[in-house]
Amino acid sequence: MSGKRSTIKRRTFLGAVLAGAAGGAAIAFGKRGGSGWRFFTDEEARTAAAICEQLIPADHDPGARQAGVVNYIDIQLTRHFRKHQKVYRSGLEKVQRISRGRFGNAFAVLSPQQQQEILNHVEKHVQPFFDLILAHARQGFYGDPRHGGNRDMVSWKMLGLPFPPVRGRMQYGDGPKVG
């Protein structure tokens, strides 16, 4: 190297560092095989979404799909629900096996009546999975959107609930009078 000092522009350096960090984060917290999901495979996500839509269907109000319930479950299976990963893998695989055995097709593409028949069977014979996905669907539908479900606060709007205040802030009125 000659007497000249090689300089890297600060923006170029920071851009490279941020790109590297983002790439590392994508690997560390990455989606499964580029599927766009954290825990689920694409097929598992379609199956879970169809199950949740049967559990909390849309009518004149949004259902599980519009509320992003499967997104909530997917996120939480890599966090607080990590201990339930095996139950989900096994349960979703059983739902698929039953669907293909009875109707020759994947659960997500069955008619609503066929899906309901499968879920009635699952409720009786794969009860731990059924109870778990039902509880998690309810949490994802009615819970705080910051956890990945209840997109656009659809269930709170449906129920006419005021939006809960952010911790430590007064959201309603002018707050307490000081002095």
N, C-alpha and C. Protein backbone atom coordinates (compact mmCIF):
# COMPACT_ATOMS: atom_id res chain seq x y z
N MET A 1 0.84 -1.16 0.00
CA MET A 1 0.00 0.00 0.00
C MET A 1 0.89 1.23 0.00
N SER A 2 0.56 2.19 -0.80
CA SER A 2 1.36 3.40 -0.88
C SER A 2 1.06 4.28 0.32
N GLY A 3 1.69 5.45 0.34
CA GLY A 3 1.52 6.37 1.44
C GLY A 3 0.11 6.92 1.55
N LYS A 4 -0.70 6.75 0.52
CA LYS A 4 -2.08 7.23 0.58
C LYS A 4 -2.91 6.33 1.48
N ARG A 5 -3.70 6.96 2.24
CA ARG A 5 -4.58 6.20 3.12
C ARG A 5 -5.88 5.91 2.38
N SER A 6 -6.31 4.64 2.41
CA SER A 6 -7.56 4.26 1.77
C SER A 6 -8.70 4.65 2.69
N THR A 7 -9.62 5.41 2.17
CA THR A 7 -10.75 5.83 3.00
C THR A 7 -12.04 5.26 2.45
N ILE A 8 -12.88 4.90 3.36
CA ILE A 8 -14.22 4.43 3.01
C ILE A 8 -15.17 5.49 3.50
N LYS A 9 -16.05 5.88 2.64
CA LYS A 9 -17.04 6.88 3.06
C LYS A 9 -17.90 6.30 4.16
N ARG A 10 -18.23 7.14 5.09
CA ARG A 10 -19.00 6.73 6.25
C ARG A 10 -20.33 6.08 5.84
N ARG A 11 -21.03 6.67 4.89
CA ARG A 11 -22.32 6.11 4.45
C ARG A 11 -22.15 4.73 3.83
N THR A 12 -21.08 4.56 3.05
CA THR A 12 -20.82 3.26 2.44
C THR A 12 -20.56 2.22 3.52
N PHE A 13 -19.76 2.60 4.52
CA PHE A 13 -19.44 1.69 5.61
C PHE A 13 -20.70 1.33 6.40
N LEU A 14 -21.48 2.34 6.79
CA LEU A 14 -22.69 2.09 7.56
C LEU A 14 -23.69 1.26 6.77
N GLY A 15 -23.79 1.53 5.48
CA GLY A 15 -24.69 0.74 4.63
C GLY A 15 -24.28 -0.72 4.61
N ALA A 16 -22.97 -0.97 4.51
CA ALA A 16 -22.48 -2.34 4.49
C ALA A 16 -22.72 -3.03 5.83
N VAL A 17 -22.50 -2.30 6.92
CA VAL A 17 -22.72 -2.87 8.25
C VAL A 17 -24.20 -3.20 8.45
N LEU A 18 -25.09 -2.26 8.07
CA LEU A 18 -26.53 -2.51 8.23
C LEU A 18 -27.00 -3.66 7.34
N ALA A 19 -26.48 -3.74 6.13
CA ALA A 19 -26.85 -4.84 5.24
C ALA A 19 -26.40 -6.17 5.83
N GLY A 20 -25.20 -6.20 6.39
CA GLY A 20 -24.71 -7.42 7.02
C GLY A 20 -25.53 -7.81 8.23
N ALA A 21 -25.90 -6.80 9.04
CA ALA A 21 -26.71 -7.07 10.22
C ALA A 21 -28.09 -7.59 9.82
N ALA A 22 -28.68 -6.98 8.80
CA ALA A 22 -29.99 -7.43 8.34
C ALA A 22 -29.92 -8.85 7.81
N GLY A 23 -28.86 -9.16 7.08
CA GLY A 23 -28.70 -10.51 6.57
C GLY A 23 -28.52 -11.51 7.69
N GLY A 24 -27.74 -11.13 8.70
CA GLY A 24 -27.56 -12.00 9.86
C GLY A 24 -28.85 -12.22 10.62
N ALA A 25 -29.62 -11.15 10.77
CA ALA A 25 -30.90 -11.27 11.46
C ALA A 25 -31.85 -12.16 10.67
N ALA A 26 -31.82 -12.04 9.36
CA ALA A 26 -32.70 -12.87 8.54
C ALA A 26 -32.33 -14.34 8.69
N ILE A 27 -31.05 -14.62 8.84
CA ILE A 27 -30.62 -16.01 9.04
C ILE A 27 -30.99 -16.46 10.44
N ALA A 28 -30.70 -15.60 11.45
CA ALA A 28 -30.96 -15.98 12.83
C ALA A 28 -32.45 -16.14 13.11
N PHE A 29 -33.25 -15.22 12.61
CA PHE A 29 -34.67 -15.27 12.88
C PHE A 29 -35.45 -15.63 11.62
N GLY A 30 -34.78 -16.28 10.73
CA GLY A 30 -35.25 -16.44 9.36
C GLY A 30 -36.55 -17.18 9.18
N LYS A 31 -37.09 -16.98 8.05
CA LYS A 31 -38.30 -17.65 7.64
C LYS A 31 -37.92 -19.06 7.20
N ARG A 32 -38.84 -19.98 7.34
CA ARG A 32 -38.58 -21.37 6.97
C ARG A 32 -38.49 -21.51 5.46
N GLY A 33 -37.31 -21.79 4.98
CA GLY A 33 -37.13 -22.08 3.56
C GLY A 33 -37.67 -21.00 2.65
N GLY A 34 -37.61 -19.75 3.09
CA GLY A 34 -38.11 -18.67 2.25
C GLY A 34 -39.62 -18.64 2.15
N SER A 35 -40.32 -19.31 3.06
CA SER A 35 -41.77 -19.41 2.97
C SER A 35 -42.49 -18.15 3.41
N GLY A 36 -41.81 -17.26 4.12
CA GLY A 36 -42.47 -16.08 4.64
C GLY A 36 -43.04 -16.29 6.03
N TRP A 37 -42.88 -17.47 6.57
CA TRP A 37 -43.36 -17.79 7.91
C TRP A 37 -42.17 -18.03 8.82
N ARG A 38 -42.35 -17.81 10.09
CA ARG A 38 -41.27 -18.03 11.06
C ARG A 38 -41.19 -19.50 11.48
N PHE A 39 -42.34 -20.10 11.72
CA PHE A 39 -42.38 -21.50 12.15
C PHE A 39 -43.02 -22.40 11.10
N PHE A 40 -44.15 -22.00 10.61
CA PHE A 40 -44.92 -22.83 9.69
C PHE A 40 -44.25 -22.97 8.32
N THR A 41 -44.49 -24.11 7.69
CA THR A 41 -44.23 -24.24 6.26
C THR A 41 -45.44 -23.60 5.57
N ASP A 42 -45.36 -23.38 4.28
CA ASP A 42 -46.51 -22.81 3.56
C ASP A 42 -47.75 -23.69 3.71
N GLU A 43 -47.57 -25.00 3.58
CA GLU A 43 -48.72 -25.91 3.68
C GLU A 43 -49.30 -25.89 5.10
N GLU A 44 -48.44 -25.89 6.11
CA GLU A 44 -48.94 -25.82 7.48
C GLU A 44 -49.70 -24.52 7.72
N ALA A 45 -49.18 -23.43 7.19
CA ALA A 45 -49.84 -22.13 7.37
C ALA A 45 -51.22 -22.13 6.70
N ARG A 46 -51.31 -22.71 5.50
CA ARG A 46 -52.62 -22.78 4.82
C ARG A 46 -53.60 -23.63 5.64
N THR A 47 -53.10 -24.73 6.17
CA THR A 47 -53.96 -25.62 6.97
C THR A 47 -54.40 -24.91 8.25
N ALA A 48 -53.45 -24.31 8.95
CA ALA A 48 -53.78 -23.60 10.19
C ALA A 48 -54.75 -22.44 9.92
N ALA A 49 -54.55 -21.73 8.82
CA ALA A 49 -55.45 -20.61 8.47
C ALA A 49 -56.86 -21.12 8.21
N ALA A 50 -56.98 -22.24 7.50
CA ALA A 50 -58.30 -22.80 7.21
C ALA A 50 -58.98 -23.28 8.49
N ILE A 51 -58.20 -23.88 9.40
CA ILE A 51 -58.76 -24.31 10.68
C ILE A 51 -59.27 -23.10 11.45
N CYS A 52 -58.42 -22.08 11.55
CA CYS A 52 -58.80 -20.88 12.31
C CYS A 52 -60.01 -20.19 11.71
N GLU A 53 -60.11 -20.21 10.39
CA GLU A 53 -61.26 -19.58 9.73
C GLU A 53 -62.54 -20.36 10.02
N GLN A 54 -62.42 -21.67 10.22
CA GLN A 54 -63.59 -22.46 10.63
C GLN A 54 -63.96 -22.16 12.08
N LEU A 55 -62.94 -21.93 12.92
CA LEU A 55 -63.18 -21.66 14.34
C LEU A 55 -63.73 -20.26 14.57
N ILE A 56 -63.23 -19.28 13.79
CA ILE A 56 -63.69 -17.89 13.90
C ILE A 56 -63.98 -17.40 12.48
N PRO A 57 -65.13 -17.78 11.95
CA PRO A 57 -65.44 -17.42 10.56
C PRO A 57 -65.86 -15.96 10.41
N ALA A 58 -65.65 -15.45 9.23
CA ALA A 58 -66.13 -14.10 8.91
C ALA A 58 -67.62 -14.18 8.60
N ASP A 59 -68.34 -13.18 9.01
CA ASP A 59 -69.74 -13.03 8.62
C ASP A 59 -69.89 -11.55 8.26
N HIS A 60 -70.76 -10.83 8.90
CA HIS A 60 -70.80 -9.39 8.64
C HIS A 60 -69.64 -8.68 9.34
N ASP A 61 -68.92 -9.40 10.19
CA ASP A 61 -67.70 -8.91 10.83
C ASP A 61 -66.53 -9.77 10.36
N PRO A 62 -65.32 -9.23 10.47
CA PRO A 62 -64.14 -9.99 10.05
C PRO A 62 -63.94 -11.27 10.88
N GLY A 63 -63.30 -12.24 10.27
CA GLY A 63 -62.98 -13.49 10.94
C GLY A 63 -61.49 -13.62 11.19
N ALA A 64 -61.07 -14.84 11.45
CA ALA A 64 -59.68 -15.12 11.79
C ALA A 64 -58.71 -14.68 10.70
N ARG A 65 -59.08 -14.90 9.46
CA ARG A 65 -58.18 -14.55 8.35
C ARG A 65 -57.90 -13.05 8.33
N GLN A 66 -58.94 -12.23 8.41
CA GLN A 66 -58.77 -10.79 8.36
C GLN A 66 -58.01 -10.27 9.59
N ALA A 67 -58.15 -10.95 10.71
CA ALA A 67 -57.49 -10.53 11.95
C ALA A 67 -56.04 -10.99 12.01
N GLY A 68 -55.59 -11.81 11.06
CA GLY A 68 -54.20 -12.26 11.06
C GLY A 68 -53.88 -13.25 12.17
N VAL A 69 -54.86 -14.08 12.51
CA VAL A 69 -54.69 -15.03 13.61
C VAL A 69 -53.52 -15.99 13.37
N VAL A 70 -53.37 -16.47 12.14
CA VAL A 70 -52.28 -17.42 11.87
C VAL A 70 -50.93 -16.72 11.99
N ASN A 71 -50.87 -15.46 11.63
CA ASN A 71 -49.64 -14.70 11.82
C ASN A 71 -49.28 -14.66 13.31
N TYR A 72 -50.26 -14.41 14.15
CA TYR A 72 -50.05 -14.40 15.60
C TYR A 72 -49.52 -15.75 16.08
N ILE A 73 -50.17 -16.83 15.68
CA ILE A 73 -49.75 -18.16 16.12
C ILE A 73 -48.34 -18.46 15.64
N ASP A 74 -48.05 -18.14 14.38
CA ASP A 74 -46.73 -18.37 13.81
C ASP A 74 -45.65 -17.64 14.60
N ILE A 75 -45.88 -16.38 14.90
CA ILE A 75 -44.90 -15.60 15.68
C ILE A 75 -44.73 -16.20 17.06
N GLN A 76 -45.83 -16.50 17.72
CA GLN A 76 -45.76 -16.98 19.10
C GLN A 76 -45.15 -18.39 19.20
N LEU A 77 -45.25 -19.18 18.13
CA LEU A 77 -44.60 -20.51 18.15
C LEU A 77 -43.08 -20.41 18.13
N THR A 78 -42.56 -19.25 17.82
CA THR A 78 -41.10 -19.04 17.91
C THR A 78 -40.74 -18.28 19.17
N ARG A 79 -41.73 -17.96 19.97
CA ARG A 79 -41.51 -17.21 21.22
C ARG A 79 -42.16 -17.94 22.38
N HIS A 80 -43.28 -17.41 22.86
CA HIS A 80 -43.93 -17.92 24.07
C HIS A 80 -44.55 -19.31 23.92
N PHE A 81 -44.92 -19.68 22.70
CA PHE A 81 -45.54 -21.00 22.48
C PHE A 81 -44.53 -22.04 22.01
N ARG A 82 -43.26 -21.76 22.13
CA ARG A 82 -42.21 -22.66 21.62
C ARG A 82 -42.43 -24.10 22.11
N LYS A 83 -42.89 -24.25 23.34
CA LYS A 83 -43.09 -25.60 23.90
C LYS A 83 -44.21 -26.37 23.19
N HIS A 84 -45.01 -25.68 22.37
CA HIS A 84 -46.11 -26.33 21.66
C HIS A 84 -45.78 -26.67 20.21
N GLN A 85 -44.55 -26.46 19.80
CA GLN A 85 -44.18 -26.69 18.41
C GLN A 85 -44.46 -28.13 17.96
N LYS A 86 -44.11 -29.11 18.77
CA LYS A 86 -44.33 -30.52 18.39
C LYS A 86 -45.82 -30.83 18.27
N VAL A 87 -46.63 -30.29 19.16
CA VAL A 87 -48.07 -30.52 19.10
C VAL A 87 -48.64 -29.95 17.80
N TYR A 88 -48.18 -28.76 17.41
CA TYR A 88 -48.65 -28.17 16.16
C TYR A 88 -48.21 -28.98 14.95
N ARG A 89 -46.93 -29.36 14.90
CA ARG A 89 -46.45 -30.14 13.74
C ARG A 89 -47.24 -31.43 13.62
N SER A 90 -47.39 -32.13 14.71
CA SER A 90 -48.10 -33.40 14.70
C SER A 90 -49.58 -33.20 14.39
N GLY A 91 -50.20 -32.22 15.02
CA GLY A 91 -51.62 -31.98 14.82
C GLY A 91 -51.96 -31.58 13.39
N LEU A 92 -51.17 -30.68 12.82
CA LEU A 92 -51.41 -30.26 11.44
C LEU A 92 -51.19 -31.41 10.46
N GLU A 93 -50.19 -32.24 10.75
CA GLU A 93 -49.93 -33.42 9.90
C GLU A 93 -51.10 -34.39 9.97
N LYS A 94 -51.66 -34.58 11.17
CA LYS A 94 -52.81 -35.47 11.32
C LYS A 94 -54.04 -34.93 10.60
N VAL A 95 -54.25 -33.63 10.67
CA VAL A 95 -55.38 -33.02 9.96
C VAL A 95 -55.23 -33.28 8.46
N GLN A 96 -54.02 -33.11 7.95
CA GLN A 96 -53.79 -33.36 6.52
C GLN A 96 -54.02 -34.82 6.16
N ARG A 97 -53.51 -35.71 7.00
CA ARG A 97 -53.66 -37.15 6.74
C ARG A 97 -55.14 -37.55 6.73
N ILE A 98 -55.90 -37.04 7.70
CA ILE A 98 -57.34 -37.35 7.77
C ILE A 98 -58.05 -36.77 6.54
N SER A 99 -57.71 -35.55 6.17
CA SER A 99 -58.35 -34.89 5.01
C SER A 99 -58.08 -35.65 3.72
N ARG A 100 -56.85 -36.05 3.53
CA ARG A 100 -56.49 -36.78 2.31
C ARG A 100 -57.12 -38.17 2.30
N GLY A 101 -57.20 -38.79 3.49
CA GLY A 101 -57.81 -40.11 3.58
C GLY A 101 -59.32 -40.08 3.32
N ARG A 102 -60.00 -39.10 3.84
CA ARG A 102 -61.46 -39.03 3.68
C ARG A 102 -61.89 -38.41 2.37
N PHE A 103 -61.20 -37.36 1.95
CA PHE A 103 -61.67 -36.60 0.79
C PHE A 103 -60.65 -36.50 -0.34
N GLY A 104 -59.47 -37.11 -0.15
CA GLY A 104 -58.47 -37.12 -1.22
C GLY A 104 -57.85 -35.78 -1.52
N ASN A 105 -57.90 -34.84 -0.57
CA ASN A 105 -57.35 -33.52 -0.84
C ASN A 105 -56.86 -32.87 0.46
N ALA A 106 -56.06 -31.83 0.31
CA ALA A 106 -55.56 -31.07 1.45
C ALA A 106 -56.71 -30.36 2.15
N PHE A 107 -56.59 -30.19 3.45
CA PHE A 107 -57.64 -29.58 4.26
C PHE A 107 -58.03 -28.20 3.75
N ALA A 108 -57.07 -27.39 3.39
CA ALA A 108 -57.33 -26.00 3.00
C ALA A 108 -58.20 -25.88 1.76
N VAL A 109 -58.24 -26.90 0.91
CA VAL A 109 -59.03 -26.80 -0.32
C VAL A 109 -60.37 -27.53 -0.23
N LEU A 110 -60.65 -28.13 0.91
CA LEU A 110 -61.93 -28.80 1.09
C LEU A 110 -63.05 -27.78 1.21
N SER A 111 -64.26 -28.21 0.98
CA SER A 111 -65.42 -27.33 1.17
C SER A 111 -65.56 -27.05 2.67
N PRO A 112 -66.24 -25.97 3.01
CA PRO A 112 -66.45 -25.68 4.44
C PRO A 112 -67.13 -26.83 5.19
N GLN A 113 -68.06 -27.51 4.56
CA GLN A 113 -68.74 -28.64 5.21
C GLN A 113 -67.76 -29.80 5.45
N GLN A 114 -66.91 -30.07 4.47
CA GLN A 114 -65.91 -31.13 4.64
C GLN A 114 -64.90 -30.74 5.73
N GLN A 115 -64.49 -29.49 5.75
CA GLN A 115 -63.57 -29.03 6.79
C GLN A 115 -64.21 -29.19 8.17
N GLN A 116 -65.47 -28.85 8.28
CA GLN A 116 -66.17 -28.98 9.55
C GLN A 116 -66.24 -30.44 10.00
N GLU A 117 -66.46 -31.34 9.05
CA GLU A 117 -66.48 -32.77 9.36
C GLU A 117 -65.13 -33.23 9.91
N ILE A 118 -64.07 -32.79 9.24
CA ILE A 118 -62.71 -33.14 9.70
C ILE A 118 -62.46 -32.57 11.09
N LEU A 119 -62.83 -31.32 11.32
CA LEU A 119 -62.60 -30.69 12.62
C LEU A 119 -63.42 -31.34 13.73
N ASN A 120 -64.61 -31.81 13.43
CA ASN A 120 -65.40 -32.56 14.42
C ASN A 120 -64.64 -33.82 14.84
N HIS A 121 -64.05 -34.51 13.87
CA HIS A 121 -63.25 -35.69 14.15
C HIS A 121 -62.01 -35.32 14.96
N VAL A 122 -61.32 -34.27 14.56
CA VAL A 122 -60.10 -33.83 15.24
C VAL A 122 -60.41 -33.43 16.68
N GLU A 123 -61.53 -32.76 16.88
CA GLU A 123 -61.91 -32.34 18.23
C GLU A 123 -62.06 -33.54 19.17
N LYS A 124 -62.57 -34.65 18.64
CA LYS A 124 -62.77 -35.84 19.46
C LYS A 124 -61.51 -36.70 19.60
N HIS A 125 -60.70 -36.77 18.53
CA HIS A 125 -59.60 -37.74 18.51
C HIS A 125 -58.20 -37.13 18.56
N VAL A 126 -58.08 -35.85 18.35
CA VAL A 126 -56.78 -35.17 18.43
C VAL A 126 -56.99 -33.95 19.33
N GLN A 127 -57.63 -34.21 20.47
CA GLN A 127 -58.11 -33.14 21.33
C GLN A 127 -57.03 -32.18 21.82
N PRO A 128 -55.85 -32.64 22.24
CA PRO A 128 -54.86 -31.67 22.71
C PRO A 128 -54.51 -30.61 21.64
N PHE A 129 -54.37 -31.04 20.40
CA PHE A 129 -54.09 -30.09 19.32
C PHE A 129 -55.28 -29.17 19.09
N PHE A 130 -56.48 -29.74 19.04
CA PHE A 130 -57.67 -28.95 18.79
C PHE A 130 -57.85 -27.88 19.87
N ASP A 131 -57.73 -28.28 21.13
CA ASP A 131 -57.89 -27.34 22.24
C ASP A 131 -56.84 -26.23 22.17
N LEU A 132 -55.62 -26.59 21.79
CA LEU A 132 -54.53 -25.63 21.72
C LEU A 132 -54.75 -24.61 20.60
N ILE A 133 -55.09 -25.09 19.41
CA ILE A 133 -55.27 -24.15 18.29
C ILE A 133 -56.52 -23.29 18.52
N LEU A 134 -57.54 -23.83 19.17
CA LEU A 134 -58.72 -23.03 19.50
C LEU A 134 -58.36 -21.91 20.48
N ALA A 135 -57.63 -22.25 21.52
CA ALA A 135 -57.21 -21.23 22.50
C ALA A 135 -56.33 -20.17 21.85
N HIS A 136 -55.38 -20.61 21.02
CA HIS A 136 -54.48 -19.66 20.37
C HIS A 136 -55.20 -18.81 19.33
N ALA A 137 -56.18 -19.38 18.65
CA ALA A 137 -56.98 -18.60 17.69
C ALA A 137 -57.74 -17.50 18.42
N ARG A 138 -58.32 -17.82 19.55
CA ARG A 138 -59.04 -16.82 20.34
C ARG A 138 -58.09 -15.71 20.79
N GLN A 139 -56.91 -16.10 21.27
CA GLN A 139 -55.93 -15.11 21.71
C GLN A 139 -55.51 -14.21 20.55
N GLY A 140 -55.28 -14.80 19.39
CA GLY A 140 -54.86 -14.02 18.23
C GLY A 140 -55.95 -13.11 17.71
N PHE A 141 -57.19 -13.50 17.91
CA PHE A 141 -58.31 -12.69 17.43
C PHE A 141 -58.63 -11.54 18.38
N TYR A 142 -58.64 -11.83 19.69
CA TYR A 142 -59.06 -10.82 20.66
C TYR A 142 -57.90 -10.09 21.34
N GLY A 143 -56.69 -10.57 21.18
CA GLY A 143 -55.55 -10.00 21.89
C GLY A 143 -55.07 -8.66 21.35
N ASP A 144 -54.03 -8.18 21.96
CA ASP A 144 -53.41 -6.91 21.56
C ASP A 144 -52.70 -7.08 20.23
N PRO A 145 -52.95 -6.21 19.27
CA PRO A 145 -52.31 -6.32 17.95
C PRO A 145 -50.78 -6.32 17.99
N ARG A 146 -50.18 -5.79 19.05
CA ARG A 146 -48.72 -5.76 19.10
C ARG A 146 -48.11 -7.16 19.17
N HIS A 147 -48.94 -8.18 19.42
CA HIS A 147 -48.45 -9.55 19.47
C HIS A 147 -48.60 -10.29 18.15
N GLY A 148 -49.12 -9.61 17.12
CA GLY A 148 -49.16 -10.21 15.79
C GLY A 148 -50.53 -10.59 15.27
N GLY A 149 -51.56 -10.50 16.09
CA GLY A 149 -52.91 -10.82 15.65
C GLY A 149 -53.81 -9.60 15.76
N ASN A 150 -55.11 -9.82 15.71
CA ASN A 150 -56.10 -8.75 15.82
C ASN A 150 -55.71 -7.56 14.93
N ARG A 151 -55.37 -7.89 13.69
CA ARG A 151 -54.93 -6.88 12.72
C ARG A 151 -55.96 -5.76 12.62
N ASP A 152 -55.49 -4.54 12.66
CA ASP A 152 -56.33 -3.34 12.59
C ASP A 152 -57.38 -3.30 13.71
N MET A 153 -57.12 -4.05 14.79
CA MET A 153 -58.00 -4.08 15.96
C MET A 153 -59.43 -4.49 15.59
N VAL A 154 -59.54 -5.41 14.62
CA VAL A 154 -60.87 -5.76 14.10
C VAL A 154 -61.82 -6.30 15.16
N SER A 155 -61.31 -7.11 16.09
CA SER A 155 -62.23 -7.66 17.10
C SER A 155 -62.64 -6.59 18.10
N TRP A 156 -61.73 -5.69 18.43
CA TRP A 156 -62.09 -4.62 19.36
C TRP A 156 -63.13 -3.69 18.73
N LYS A 157 -62.95 -3.40 17.44
CA LYS A 157 -63.93 -2.55 16.74
C LYS A 157 -65.28 -3.26 16.68
N MET A 158 -65.24 -4.57 16.40
CA MET A 158 -66.47 -5.35 16.31
C MET A 158 -67.24 -5.30 17.63
N LEU A 159 -66.51 -5.37 18.74
CA LEU A 159 -67.14 -5.37 20.06
C LEU A 159 -67.44 -3.96 20.58
N GLY A 160 -66.97 -2.95 19.85
CA GLY A 160 -67.18 -1.57 20.28
C GLY A 160 -66.32 -1.17 21.46
N LEU A 161 -65.18 -1.84 21.63
CA LEU A 161 -64.29 -1.52 22.75
C LEU A 161 -63.40 -0.33 22.40
N PRO A 162 -63.15 0.52 23.38
CA PRO A 162 -62.16 1.58 23.14
C PRO A 162 -60.78 0.94 23.08
N PHE A 163 -59.90 1.56 22.37
CA PHE A 163 -58.56 1.01 22.26
C PHE A 163 -57.85 1.16 23.60
N PRO A 164 -57.26 0.09 24.12
CA PRO A 164 -56.58 0.18 25.41
C PRO A 164 -55.45 1.21 25.35
N PRO A 165 -55.26 1.92 26.45
CA PRO A 165 -54.19 2.93 26.47
C PRO A 165 -52.82 2.27 26.47
N VAL A 166 -51.87 2.98 25.93
CA VAL A 166 -50.48 2.52 25.98
C VAL A 166 -50.01 2.69 27.41
N ARG A 167 -49.25 1.75 27.91
CA ARG A 167 -48.80 1.82 29.29
C ARG A 167 -48.12 3.15 29.58
N GLY A 168 -48.51 3.75 30.70
CA GLY A 168 -47.86 4.97 31.14
C GLY A 168 -48.35 6.23 30.46
N ARG A 169 -49.36 6.13 29.62
CA ARG A 169 -49.88 7.31 28.93
C ARG A 169 -51.38 7.40 29.14
N MET A 170 -51.85 8.60 29.26
CA MET A 170 -53.28 8.83 29.33
C MET A 170 -53.79 8.97 27.90
N GLN A 171 -54.71 8.13 27.52
CA GLN A 171 -55.23 8.19 26.16
C GLN A 171 -56.56 8.93 26.10
N TYR A 172 -57.28 8.97 27.19
CA TYR A 172 -58.62 9.53 27.18
C TYR A 172 -58.62 10.88 27.89
N GLY A 173 -59.29 11.84 27.34
CA GLY A 173 -59.41 13.15 27.96
C GLY A 173 -58.09 13.89 28.00
N ASP A 174 -58.04 14.88 28.86
CA ASP A 174 -56.84 15.71 28.94
C ASP A 174 -55.87 15.23 30.00
N GLY A 175 -56.23 14.24 30.76
CA GLY A 175 -55.36 13.76 31.81
C GLY A 175 -55.55 14.58 33.08
N PRO A 176 -54.77 14.25 34.11
CA PRO A 176 -54.94 14.94 35.39
C PRO A 176 -54.49 16.39 35.28
N LYS A 177 -55.15 17.23 36.06
CA LYS A 177 -54.77 18.65 36.13
C LYS A 177 -53.62 18.78 37.12
N VAL A 178 -52.61 19.50 36.71
CA VAL A 178 -51.45 19.70 37.58
C VAL A 178 -51.45 21.13 38.06
N GLY A 179 -51.23 21.32 39.36
CA GLY A 179 -50.97 22.56 39.97
C GLY A 179 -51.86 23.64 40.00
